[in-house]
PDB file of N, CA and C in Angstrom:
ATOM      1  N   MET A   1       0.839  -1.183   0.000  1.00  0.00           N
ATOM      2  CA  MET A   1       0.000   0.000   0.000  1.00  0.00           C
ATOM      3  C   MET A   1       0.885   1.247   0.000  1.00  0.00           C
ATOM      4  N   SER A   2       0.697   2.120  -0.960  1.00  0.00           N
ATOM      5  CA  SER A   2       1.518   3.319  -1.063  1.00  0.00           C
ATOM      6  C   SER A   2       0.862   4.473  -0.294  1.00  0.00           C
ATOM      7  N   LYS A   3       1.725   5.356   0.236  1.00  0.00           N
ATOM      8  CA  LYS A   3       1.232   6.530   0.953  1.00  0.00           C
ATOM      9  C   LYS A   3       0.840   7.602  -0.049  1.00  0.00           C
ATOM     10  N   ILE A   4      -0.246   8.266   0.244  1.00  0.00           N
ATOM     11  CA  ILE A   4      -0.665   9.387  -0.587  1.00  0.00           C
ATOM     12  C   ILE A   4      -0.058  10.650   0.022  1.00  0.00           C
ATOM     13  N   LYS A   5       0.703  11.366  -0.783  1.00  0.00           N
ATOM     14  CA  LYS A   5       1.398  12.559  -0.312  1.00  0.00           C
ATOM     15  C   LYS A   5       0.493  13.775  -0.506  1.00  0.00           C
ATOM     16  N   ILE A   6       0.055  14.346   0.614  1.00  0.00           N
ATOM     17  CA  ILE A   6      -0.845  15.495   0.548  1.00  0.00           C
ATOM     18  C   ILE A   6      -0.101  16.797   0.784  1.00  0.00           C
ATOM     19  N   LEU A   7       0.869  16.797   1.681  1.00  0.00           N
ATOM     20  CA  LEU A   7       1.632  18.005   1.962  1.00  0.00           C
ATOM     21  C   LEU A   7       2.851  18.057   1.044  1.00  0.00           C
ATOM     22  N   ILE A   8       2.985  19.169   0.350  1.00  0.00           N
ATOM     23  CA  ILE A   8       4.091  19.316  -0.594  1.00  0.00           C
ATOM     24  C   ILE A   8       4.892  20.565  -0.240  1.00  0.00           C
ATOM     25  N   PRO A   9       6.170  20.603  -0.616  1.00  0.00           N
ATOM     26  CA  PRO A   9       6.966  21.808  -0.365  1.00  0.00           C
ATOM     27  C   PRO A   9       6.534  22.950  -1.295  1.00  0.00           C
ATOM     28  N   CYS A  10       6.887  24.161  -0.905  1.00  0.00           N
ATOM     29  CA  CYS A  10       6.501  25.354  -1.669  1.00  0.00           C
ATOM     30  C   CYS A  10       6.995  25.299  -3.116  1.00  0.00           C
ATOM     31  N   GLU A  11       8.194  24.778  -3.323  1.00  0.00           N
ATOM     32  CA  GLU A  11       8.746  24.694  -4.684  1.00  0.00           C
ATOM     33  C   GLU A  11       7.837  23.861  -5.582  1.00  0.00           C
ATOM     34  N   ASP A  12       7.356  22.732  -5.061  1.00  0.00           N
ATOM     35  CA  ASP A  12       6.443  21.884  -5.834  1.00  0.00           C
ATOM     36  C   ASP A  12       5.100  22.586  -6.045  1.00  0.00           C
ATOM     37  N   ALA A  13       4.632  23.293  -5.024  1.00  0.00           N
ATOM     38  CA  ALA A  13       3.361  24.012  -5.137  1.00  0.00           C
ATOM     39  C   ALA A  13       3.450  25.075  -6.227  1.00  0.00           C
ATOM     40  N   ASN A  14       4.566  25.788  -6.263  1.00  0.00           N
ATOM     41  CA  ASN A  14       4.736  26.819  -7.289  1.00  0.00           C
ATOM     42  C   ASN A  14       4.804  26.204  -8.682  1.00  0.00           C
ATOM     43  N   HIS A  15       5.422  25.041  -8.788  1.00  0.00           N
ATOM     44  CA  HIS A  15       5.491  24.350 -10.079  1.00  0.00           C
ATOM     45  C   HIS A  15       4.084  23.957 -10.541  1.00  0.00           C
ATOM     46  N   VAL A  16       3.285  23.435  -9.625  1.00  0.00           N
ATOM     47  CA  VAL A  16       1.908  23.060  -9.966  1.00  0.00           C
ATOM     48  C   VAL A  16       1.101  24.307 -10.324  1.00  0.00           C
ATOM     49  N   CYS A  17       1.345  25.396  -9.619  1.00  0.00           N
ATOM     50  CA  CYS A  17       0.667  26.658  -9.931  1.00  0.00           C
ATOM     51  C   CYS A  17       0.973  27.072 -11.370  1.00  0.00           C
ATOM     52  N   ASP A  18       2.242  26.965 -11.750  1.00  0.00           N
ATOM     53  CA  ASP A  18       2.640  27.301 -13.123  1.00  0.00           C
ATOM     54  C   ASP A  18       1.970  26.364 -14.132  1.00  0.00           C
ATOM     55  N   LYS A  19       1.932  25.077 -13.807  1.00  0.00           N
ATOM     56  CA  LYS A  19       1.282  24.112 -14.704  1.00  0.00           C
ATOM     57  C   LYS A  19      -0.205  24.423 -14.837  1.00  0.00           C
ATOM     58  N   THR A  20      -0.826  24.832 -13.735  1.00  0.00           N
ATOM     59  CA  THR A  20      -2.244  25.170 -13.763  1.00  0.00           C
ATOM     60  C   THR A  20      -2.486  26.367 -14.672  1.00  0.00           C
ATOM     61  N   GLN A  21      -1.577  27.317 -14.639  1.00  0.00           N
ATOM     62  CA  GLN A  21      -1.685  28.516 -15.472  1.00  0.00           C
ATOM     63  C   GLN A  21      -1.775  28.137 -16.955  1.00  0.00           C
ATOM     64  N   TYR A  22      -1.051  27.098 -17.354  1.00  0.00           N
ATOM     65  CA  TYR A  22      -1.035  26.667 -18.756  1.00  0.00           C
ATOM     66  C   TYR A  22      -1.932  25.461 -19.007  1.00  0.00           C
ATOM     67  N   LYS A  23      -2.809  25.183 -18.040  1.00  0.00           N
ATOM     68  CA  LYS A  23      -3.782  24.090 -18.145  1.00  0.00           C
ATOM     69  C   LYS A  23      -3.107  22.731 -18.365  1.00  0.00           C
ATOM     70  N   GLU A  24      -1.988  22.522 -17.661  1.00  0.00           N
ATOM     71  CA  GLU A  24      -1.248  21.261 -17.768  1.00  0.00           C
ATOM     72  C   GLU A  24      -1.302  20.442 -16.484  1.00  0.00           C
ATOM     73  N   ALA A  25      -1.892  20.977 -15.427  1.00  0.00           N
ATOM     74  CA  ALA A  25      -1.942  20.274 -14.143  1.00  0.00           C
ATOM     75  C   ALA A  25      -3.091  19.273 -14.126  1.00  0.00           C
ATOM     76  N   THR A  26      -2.847  18.150 -13.460  1.00  0.00           N
ATOM     77  CA  THR A  26      -3.892  17.144 -13.309  1.00  0.00           C
ATOM     78  C   THR A  26      -4.842  17.568 -12.196  1.00  0.00           C
ATOM     79  N   LEU A  27      -5.974  16.915 -12.114  1.00  0.00           N
ATOM     80  CA  LEU A  27      -6.941  17.201 -11.062  1.00  0.00           C
ATOM     81  C   LEU A  27      -6.303  16.975  -9.688  1.00  0.00           C
ATOM     82  N   TRP A  28      -5.567  15.880  -9.536  1.00  0.00           N
ATOM     83  CA  TRP A  28      -4.919  15.580  -8.263  1.00  0.00           C
ATOM     84  C   TRP A  28      -3.916  16.678  -7.878  1.00  0.00           C
ATOM     85  N   GLU A  29      -3.148  17.149  -8.831  1.00  0.00           N
ATOM     86  CA  GLU A  29      -2.184  18.220  -8.554  1.00  0.00           C
ATOM     87  C   GLU A  29      -2.900  19.493  -8.100  1.00  0.00           C
ATOM     88  N   LYS A  30      -4.034  19.789  -8.715  1.00  0.00           N
ATOM     89  CA  LYS A  30      -4.802  20.969  -8.329  1.00  0.00           C
ATOM     90  C   LYS A  30      -5.342  20.829  -6.912  1.00  0.00           C
ATOM     91  N   ILE A  31      -5.787  19.641  -6.572  1.00  0.00           N
ATOM     92  CA  ILE A  31      -6.299  19.393  -5.217  1.00  0.00           C
ATOM     93  C   ILE A  31      -5.187  19.590  -4.197  1.00  0.00           C
ATOM     94  N   ILE A  32      -4.025  18.992  -4.461  1.00  0.00           N
ATOM     95  CA  ILE A  32      -2.884  19.105  -3.549  1.00  0.00           C
ATOM     96  C   ILE A  32      -2.454  20.572  -3.435  1.00  0.00           C
ATOM     97  N   LEU A  33      -2.457  21.293  -4.543  1.00  0.00           N
ATOM     98  CA  LEU A  33      -2.095  22.711  -4.521  1.00  0.00           C
ATOM     99  C   LEU A  33      -3.054  23.487  -3.622  1.00  0.00           C
ATOM    100  N   ASN A  34      -4.350  23.240  -3.773  1.00  0.00           N
ATOM    101  CA  ASN A  34      -5.332  23.961  -2.963  1.00  0.00           C
ATOM    102  C   ASN A  34      -5.187  23.651  -1.478  1.00  0.00           C
ATOM    103  N   ILE A  35      -4.842  22.420  -1.145  1.00  0.00           N
ATOM    104  CA  ILE A  35      -4.581  22.074   0.257  1.00  0.00           C
ATOM    105  C   ILE A  35      -3.367  22.865   0.752  1.00  0.00           C
ATOM    106  N   HIS A  36      -2.335  22.925  -0.071  1.00  0.00           N
ATOM    107  CA  HIS A  36      -1.119  23.662   0.297  1.00  0.00           C
ATOM    108  C   HIS A  36      -1.440  25.147   0.505  1.00  0.00           C
ATOM    109  N   LEU A  37      -2.285  25.702  -0.355  1.00  0.00           N
ATOM    110  CA  LEU A  37      -2.608  27.130  -0.281  1.00  0.00           C
ATOM    111  C   LEU A  37      -3.397  27.486   0.978  1.00  0.00           C
ATOM    112  N   ILE A  38      -4.057  26.498   1.566  1.00  0.00           N
ATOM    113  CA  ILE A  38      -4.808  26.750   2.806  1.00  0.00           C
ATOM    114  C   ILE A  38      -3.861  27.210   3.910  1.00  0.00           C
ATOM    115  N   TYR A  39      -2.693  26.607   3.987  1.00  0.00           N
ATOM    116  CA  TYR A  39      -1.790  26.911   5.103  1.00  0.00           C
ATOM    117  C   TYR A  39      -0.545  27.717   4.709  1.00  0.00           C
ATOM    118  N   CYS A  40      -0.353  28.049   3.446  1.00  0.00           N
ATOM    119  CA  CYS A  40       0.868  28.751   3.044  1.00  0.00           C
ATOM    120  C   CYS A  40       0.535  30.109   2.424  1.00  0.00           C
ATOM    121  N   ARG A  41       0.767  31.151   3.178  1.00  0.00           N
ATOM    122  CA  ARG A  41       0.470  32.515   2.735  1.00  0.00           C
ATOM    123  C   ARG A  41       1.359  32.933   1.559  1.00  0.00           C
ATOM    124  N   VAL A  42       2.618  32.531   1.592  1.00  0.00           N
ATOM    125  CA  VAL A  42       3.562  32.906   0.533  1.00  0.00           C
ATOM    126  C   VAL A  42       3.118  32.335  -0.811  1.00  0.00           C
ATOM    127  N   CYS A  43       2.719  31.084  -0.828  1.00  0.00           N
ATOM    128  CA  CYS A  43       2.279  30.461  -2.084  1.00  0.00           C
ATOM    129  C   CYS A  43       0.926  31.011  -2.547  1.00  0.00           C
ATOM    130  N   ARG A  44       0.087  31.421  -1.595  1.00  0.00           N
ATOM    131  CA  ARG A  44      -1.169  32.076  -1.993  1.00  0.00           C
ATOM    132  C   ARG A  44      -0.860  33.362  -2.749  1.00  0.00           C
ATOM    133  N   LYS A  45       0.117  34.114  -2.254  1.00  0.00           N
ATOM    134  CA  LYS A  45       0.499  35.360  -2.925  1.00  0.00           C
ATOM    135  C   LYS A  45       1.092  35.053  -4.305  1.00  0.00           C
ATOM    136  N   TYR A  46       1.953  34.019  -4.394  1.00  0.00           N
ATOM    137  CA  TYR A  46       2.546  33.619  -5.674  1.00  0.00           C
ATOM    138  C   TYR A  46       1.437  33.264  -6.663  1.00  0.00           C
ATOM    139  N   THR A  47       0.453  32.498  -6.202  1.00  0.00           N
ATOM    140  CA  THR A  47      -0.654  32.076  -7.061  1.00  0.00           C
ATOM    141  C   THR A  47      -1.479  33.273  -7.504  1.00  0.00           C
ATOM    142  N   LYS A  48      -1.727  34.189  -6.583  1.00  0.00           N
ATOM    143  CA  LYS A  48      -2.493  35.389  -6.913  1.00  0.00           C
ATOM    144  C   LYS A  48      -1.765  36.217  -7.975  1.00  0.00           C
ATOM    145  N   ASN A  49      -0.462  36.397  -7.799  1.00  0.00           N
ATOM    146  CA  ASN A  49       0.328  37.154  -8.783  1.00  0.00           C
ATOM    147  C   ASN A  49       0.373  36.449 -10.130  1.00  0.00           C
ATOM    148  N   ASN A  50       0.481  35.129 -10.103  1.00  0.00           N
ATOM    149  CA  ASN A  50       0.502  34.341 -11.332  1.00  0.00           C
ATOM    150  C   ASN A  50      -0.817  34.510 -12.093  1.00  0.00           C
ATOM    151  N   THR A  51      -1.922  34.490 -11.355  1.00  0.00           N
ATOM    152  CA  THR A  51      -3.240  34.656 -11.959  1.00  0.00           C
ATOM    153  C   THR A  51      -3.369  36.041 -12.586  1.00  0.00           C
ATOM    154  N   LYS A  52      -2.900  37.067 -11.869  1.00  0.00           N
ATOM    155  CA  LYS A  52      -2.925  38.434 -12.417  1.00  0.00           C
ATOM    156  C   LYS A  52      -2.115  38.510 -13.703  1.00  0.00           C
ATOM    157  N   LEU A  53      -0.920  37.926 -13.689  1.00  0.00           N
ATOM    158  CA  LEU A  53      -0.051  37.951 -14.857  1.00  0.00           C
ATOM    159  C   LEU A  53      -0.729  37.295 -16.057  1.00  0.00           C
ATOM    160  N   THR A  54      -1.348  36.159 -15.838  1.00  0.00           N
ATOM    161  CA  THR A  54      -2.045  35.453 -16.915  1.00  0.00           C
ATOM    162  C   THR A  54      -3.146  36.326 -17.510  1.00  0.00           C
ATOM    163  N   LYS A  55      -3.932  36.961 -16.648  1.00  0.00           N
ATOM    164  CA  LYS A  55      -5.027  37.817 -17.128  1.00  0.00           C
ATOM    165  C   LYS A  55      -4.496  38.999 -17.928  1.00  0.00           C
ATOM    166  N   VAL A  56      -3.431  39.619 -17.446  1.00  0.00           N
ATOM    167  CA  VAL A  56      -2.857  40.781 -18.140  1.00  0.00           C
ATOM    168  C   VAL A  56      -2.322  40.380 -19.509  1.00  0.00           C
ATOM    169  N   ILE A  57      -1.652  39.250 -19.575  1.00  0.00           N
ATOM    170  CA  ILE A  57      -1.092  38.787 -20.848  1.00  0.00           C
ATOM    171  C   ILE A  57      -2.204  38.470 -21.843  1.00  0.00           C
ATOM    172  N   LYS A  58      -3.255  37.789 -21.382  1.00  0.00           N
ATOM    173  CA  LYS A  58      -4.373  37.472 -22.279  1.00  0.00           C
ATOM    174  C   LYS A  58      -5.064  38.742 -22.761  1.00  0.00           C
ATOM    175  N   LYS A  59      -5.207  39.700 -21.860  1.00  0.00           N
ATOM    176  CA  LYS A  59      -5.870  40.955 -22.195  1.00  0.00           C
ATOM    177  C   LYS A  59      -5.062  41.767 -23.196  1.00  0.00           C
ATOM    178  N   SER A  60      -3.748  41.677 -23.138  1.00  0.00           N
ATOM    179  CA  SER A  60      -2.873  42.493 -23.984  1.00  0.00           C
ATOM    180  C   SER A  60      -2.876  42.064 -25.440  1.00  0.00           C
ATOM    181  N   LYS A  61      -3.263  40.853 -25.705  1.00  0.00           N
ATOM    182  CA  LYS A  61      -3.306  40.310 -27.065  1.00  0.00           C
ATOM    183  C   LYS A  61      -1.953  40.458 -27.769  1.00  0.00           C
ATOM    184  N   VAL A  62      -0.906  40.082 -27.058  1.00  0.00           N
ATOM    185  CA  VAL A  62       0.449  40.149 -27.585  1.00  0.00           C
ATOM    186  C   VAL A  62       0.614  39.105 -28.688  1.00  0.00           C
ATOM    187  N   GLU A  63       1.229  39.507 -29.775  1.00  0.00           N
ATOM    188  CA  GLU A  63       1.517  38.580 -30.863  1.00  0.00           C
ATOM    189  C   GLU A  63       3.014  38.348 -30.927  1.00  0.00           C
ATOM    190  N   CYS A  64       3.409  37.107 -31.020  1.00  0.00           N
ATOM    191  CA  CYS A  64       4.829  36.754 -31.069  1.00  0.00           C
ATOM    192  C   CYS A  64       5.288  36.626 -32.521  1.00  0.00           C
ATOM    193  N   LEU A  65       6.578  36.834 -32.713  1.00  0.00           N
ATOM    194  CA  LEU A  65       7.155  36.650 -34.042  1.00  0.00           C
ATOM    195  C   LEU A  65       7.244  35.173 -34.371  1.00  0.00           C
ATOM    196  N   ASP A  66       7.080  34.845 -35.646  1.00  0.00           N
ATOM    197  CA  ASP A  66       7.250  33.449 -36.031  1.00  0.00           C
ATOM    198  C   ASP A  66       8.751  33.129 -36.112  1.00  0.00           C
ATOM    199  N   LYS A  67       9.061  31.871 -36.246  1.00  0.00           N
ATOM    200  CA  LYS A  67      10.449  31.412 -36.203  1.00  0.00           C
ATOM    201  C   LYS A  67      11.293  32.043 -37.320  1.00  0.00           C
ATOM    202  N   LYS A  68      10.715  32.184 -38.501  1.00  0.00           N
ATOM    203  CA  LYS A  68      11.456  32.741 -39.638  1.00  0.00           C
ATOM    204  C   LYS A  68      11.835  34.204 -39.370  1.00  0.00           C
ATOM    205  N   CYS A  69      10.903  34.989 -38.839  1.00  0.00           N
ATOM    206  CA  CYS A  69      11.190  36.396 -38.523  1.00  0.00           C
ATOM    207  C   CYS A  69      12.276  36.507 -37.458  1.00  0.00           C
ATOM    208  N   LYS A  70      12.213  35.638 -36.456  1.00  0.00           N
ATOM    209  CA  LYS A  70      13.226  35.659 -35.391  1.00  0.00           C
ATOM    210  C   LYS A  70      14.606  35.346 -35.954  1.00  0.00           C
ATOM    211  N   GLU A  71      14.671  34.359 -36.834  1.00  0.00           N
ATOM    212  CA  GLU A  71      15.951  33.971 -37.428  1.00  0.00           C
ATOM    213  C   GLU A  71      16.512  35.103 -38.285  1.00  0.00           C
ATOM    214  N   THR A  72      15.650  35.742 -39.076  1.00  0.00           N
ATOM    215  CA  THR A  72      16.073  36.876 -39.898  1.00  0.00           C
ATOM    216  C   THR A  72      16.590  38.012 -39.022  1.00  0.00           C
ATOM    217  N   MET A  73      15.876  38.304 -37.948  1.00  0.00           N
ATOM    218  CA  MET A  73      16.290  39.357 -37.031  1.00  0.00           C
ATOM    219  C   MET A  73      17.634  39.025 -36.391  1.00  0.00           C
ATOM    220  N   LYS A  74      17.833  37.777 -36.044  1.00  0.00           N
ATOM    221  CA  LYS A  74      19.097  37.345 -35.444  1.00  0.00           C
ATOM    222  C   LYS A  74      20.254  37.525 -36.430  1.00  0.00           C
ATOM    223  N   LEU A  75      20.043  37.114 -37.666  1.00  0.00           N
ATOM    224  CA  LEU A  75      21.087  37.254 -38.686  1.00  0.00           C
ATOM    225  C   LEU A  75      21.409  38.726 -38.940  1.00  0.00           C
ATOM    226  N   ASP A  76      20.372  39.572 -39.017  1.00  0.00           N
ATOM    227  CA  ASP A  76      20.585  41.009 -39.209  1.00  0.00           C
ATOM    228  C   ASP A  76      21.372  41.603 -38.041  1.00  0.00           C
ATOM    229  N   PHE A  77      21.047  41.182 -36.837  1.00  0.00           N
ATOM    230  CA  PHE A  77      21.741  41.674 -35.651  1.00  0.00           C
ATOM    231  C   PHE A  77      23.211  41.265 -35.671  1.00  0.00           C
ATOM    232  N   GLU A  78      23.460  40.000 -35.984  1.00  0.00           N
ATOM    233  CA  GLU A  78      24.845  39.505 -36.037  1.00  0.00           C
ATOM    234  C   GLU A  78      25.653  40.246 -37.107  1.00  0.00           C
ATOM    235  N   LYS A  79      25.003  40.517 -38.241  1.00  0.00           N
ATOM    236  CA  LYS A  79      25.666  41.253 -39.322  1.00  0.00           C
ATOM    237  C   LYS A  79      26.020  42.681 -38.866  1.00  0.00           C
ATOM    238  N   ALA A  80      25.059  43.353 -38.234  1.00  0.00           N
ATOM    239  CA  ALA A  80      25.285  44.713 -37.759  1.00  0.00           C
ATOM    240  C   ALA A  80      26.355  44.743 -36.668  1.00  0.00           C
ATOM    241  N   LEU A  81      26.350  43.761 -35.816  1.00  0.00           N
ATOM    242  CA  LEU A  81      27.332  43.663 -34.746  1.00  0.00           C
ATOM    243  C   LEU A  81      28.729  43.472 -35.322  1.00  0.00           C
ATOM    244  N   LYS A  82      28.822  42.631 -36.352  1.00  0.00           N
ATOM    245  CA  LYS A  82      30.118  42.397 -36.999  1.00  0.00           C
ATOM    246  C   LYS A  82      30.627  43.674 -37.675  1.00  0.00           C
ATOM    247  N   GLU A  83      29.743  44.389 -38.348  1.00  0.00           N
ATOM    248  CA  GLU A  83      30.124  45.637 -39.009  1.00  0.00           C
ATOM    249  C   GLU A  83      30.550  46.686 -37.974  1.00  0.00           C
ATOM    250  N   TYR A  84      29.880  46.754 -36.870  1.00  0.00           N
ATOM    251  CA  TYR A  84      30.203  47.733 -35.827  1.00  0.00           C
ATOM    252  C   TYR A  84      31.545  47.442 -35.170  1.00  0.00           C
ATOM    253  N   SER A  85      31.829  46.164 -34.982  1.00  0.00           N
ATOM    254  CA  SER A  85      33.076  45.791 -34.288  1.00  0.00           C
ATOM    255  C   SER A  85      34.293  45.923 -35.195  1.00  0.00           C
ATOM    256  N   ASN A  86      34.110  46.013 -36.497  1.00  0.00           N
ATOM    257  CA  ASN A  86      35.238  46.178 -37.422  1.00  0.00           C
ATOM    258  C   ASN A  86      35.622  47.577 -37.611  1.00  0.00           C
TER     259      ASN A  86
END
């Protein structure tokens, strides 16, 4: 018979909080996180800040560059850097 681990360290709780933010946490992980948040004020604050950050990012409608644009920008930067250093 295996022991069910209900109390987790803050580092693990923060990891589960991050996974929850990206909808990657399992139901069991969410339950354990909520138990941890009952008694840990620091992790409650971390979770609250994480939730705020997620909402702000979604609200901002930030668009990321695709891989090709990033590569082109990198090559242009390296070229300019080489010209400047010469």
